[in-house]
Protein backbone atom coordinates (compact mmCIF):
# COMPACT_ATOMS: atom_id res chain seq x y z
CA LYS A 1 -7.57 11.11 -15.34
CA ARG A 2 -11.01 10.83 -14.85
CA ALA A 3 -11.93 13.09 -17.98
CA ALA A 4 -9.70 11.07 -20.10
CA ALA A 5 -11.24 7.71 -18.62
CA LEU A 6 -14.49 8.68 -19.75
CA ARG A 7 -13.23 9.83 -22.76
CA GLU A 8 -11.32 6.64 -23.71
CA VAL A 9 -14.65 4.36 -22.92
CA ILE A 10 -16.74 6.63 -24.88
CA GLU A 11 -14.52 6.45 -27.77
CA GLU A 12 -13.66 2.85 -28.01
CA THR A 13 -17.22 1.58 -27.11
CA GLY A 14 -19.83 3.91 -28.22
CA VAL A 15 -21.25 3.81 -25.01
CA GLN A 16 -23.59 7.35 -23.81
CA ASP A 17 -24.42 8.31 -20.19
CA LEU A 18 -21.70 6.87 -18.72
CA THR A 19 -20.39 7.76 -14.78
CA ILE A 20 -17.62 7.43 -12.78
CA ARG A 21 -18.35 5.62 -9.66
CA SER A 22 -14.69 4.99 -8.46
CA LYS A 23 -11.26 4.44 -8.65
CA ILE A 24 -9.78 0.96 -9.14
CA GLY A 25 -6.53 1.11 -9.69
CA LYS A 26 -3.94 1.46 -12.35
CA THR A 27 -1.65 -0.99 -14.45
CA TYR A 28 1.31 -0.76 -16.68
CA HIS A 29 2.38 -2.14 -19.95
CA THR A 30 4.56 -1.55 -22.79
CA TYR A 31 4.41 -1.50 -26.45
CA ARG A 32 6.48 -0.46 -29.13
CA LEU A 33 6.32 2.63 -31.53
CA MET A 34 6.80 2.33 -35.66
CA ASP A 35 10.62 2.99 -34.75
CA LYS A 36 10.75 -0.11 -32.36
CA THR A 37 10.95 1.98 -29.28
CA ARG A 38 9.40 0.49 -26.39
CA VAL A 39 7.11 2.85 -24.62
CA LEU A 40 5.68 2.14 -20.86
CA LYS A 41 2.18 3.07 -20.31
CA ARG A 42 0.22 3.53 -17.70
CA SER A 43 -3.65 3.23 -17.11
CA TYR A 44 -6.04 4.19 -14.92
CA TRP A 45 -9.12 2.07 -13.81
CA TYR A 46 -12.13 2.75 -12.99
CA SER A 47 -15.84 1.46 -11.81
CA MET A 48 -18.28 2.96 -14.41
CA ILE A 49 -22.11 2.96 -14.75
CA ALA A 50 -24.38 3.51 -18.14
CA PRO A 51 -27.77 2.49 -19.25
CA ASP A 52 -28.30 -0.54 -21.18
CA GLN A 53 -27.28 0.06 -24.94
CA GLU A 54 -25.73 -1.09 -28.19
CA LEU A 55 -22.05 -0.83 -28.10
CA HIS A 56 -19.76 0.03 -31.15
CA PRO A 57 -16.07 -0.68 -31.08
CA GLN A 58 -13.75 1.41 -32.42
CA ALA A 59 -12.19 -0.69 -35.23
CA GLU A 60 -9.75 2.35 -35.96
CA GLU A 61 -8.10 1.28 -32.21
CA GLY A 62 -8.13 -2.63 -33.44
CA ILE A 63 -11.21 -3.36 -31.16
CA GLU A 64 -13.29 -6.10 -33.00
CA LYS A 65 -15.70 -6.75 -30.35
CA ALA A 66 -17.61 -4.66 -27.38
CA VAL A 67 -19.96 -6.27 -25.31
CA TRP A 68 -22.22 -6.21 -21.90
CA VAL A 69 -21.20 -8.72 -19.51
CA GLU A 70 -23.66 -10.34 -17.29
CA TRP A 71 -22.53 -9.26 -13.57
CA ASP A 72 -22.38 -12.92 -12.07
CA SER A 73 -20.38 -14.37 -15.38
CA LEU A 74 -17.67 -11.03 -14.98
CA GLY A 75 -14.21 -12.89 -14.80
CA LYS A 76 -15.28 -16.01 -15.66
CA ASP A 77 -16.17 -16.25 -19.64
CA LEU A 78 -13.34 -13.53 -20.05
CA GLN A 79 -10.42 -15.62 -20.37
CA PRO A 80 -7.51 -15.41 -21.81
CA VAL A 81 -6.80 -11.96 -19.62
CA PHE A 82 -3.80 -10.16 -19.55
CA PRO A 83 -2.40 -11.01 -16.00
CA ASN A 84 -2.71 -7.17 -14.86
CA ILE A 85 -6.33 -7.02 -16.04
CA THR A 86 -7.03 -9.90 -13.63
CA ASP A 87 -5.77 -8.08 -10.74
CA ILE A 88 -7.85 -5.07 -11.73
CA LEU A 89 -11.03 -7.48 -11.86
CA GLN A 90 -9.90 -9.05 -8.54
CA LYS A 91 -9.42 -5.41 -6.82
CA PHE A 92 -12.75 -4.34 -8.15
CA PHE A 93 -14.78 -7.56 -6.73
CA ARG A 94 -13.18 -7.27 -3.21
CA ARG A 95 -14.54 -3.37 -3.07
CA ALA A 96 -18.03 -4.37 -4.98
CA GLY A 97 -17.98 -7.53 -2.20
């Protein structure tokens, strides 16, 4: 799970020298395949660190923008956010205290 999370973040943002600090939690969401079949996907979320660097969104996955966000504004300037992502951010902040 950790290796997959690292791989996904690297592929989707182009970030280098990424390190996992801790597990935050998991979320579920659904999507449809080309044949209209609905799929339930489970995602695992981790706190990660990396040096400041330019990010490169993975256009092939429909990712239009990847940006660094200042710690103080994290969670404030990210609206609208899916409710399950808000839950993950809240868990992260409770642990980061």
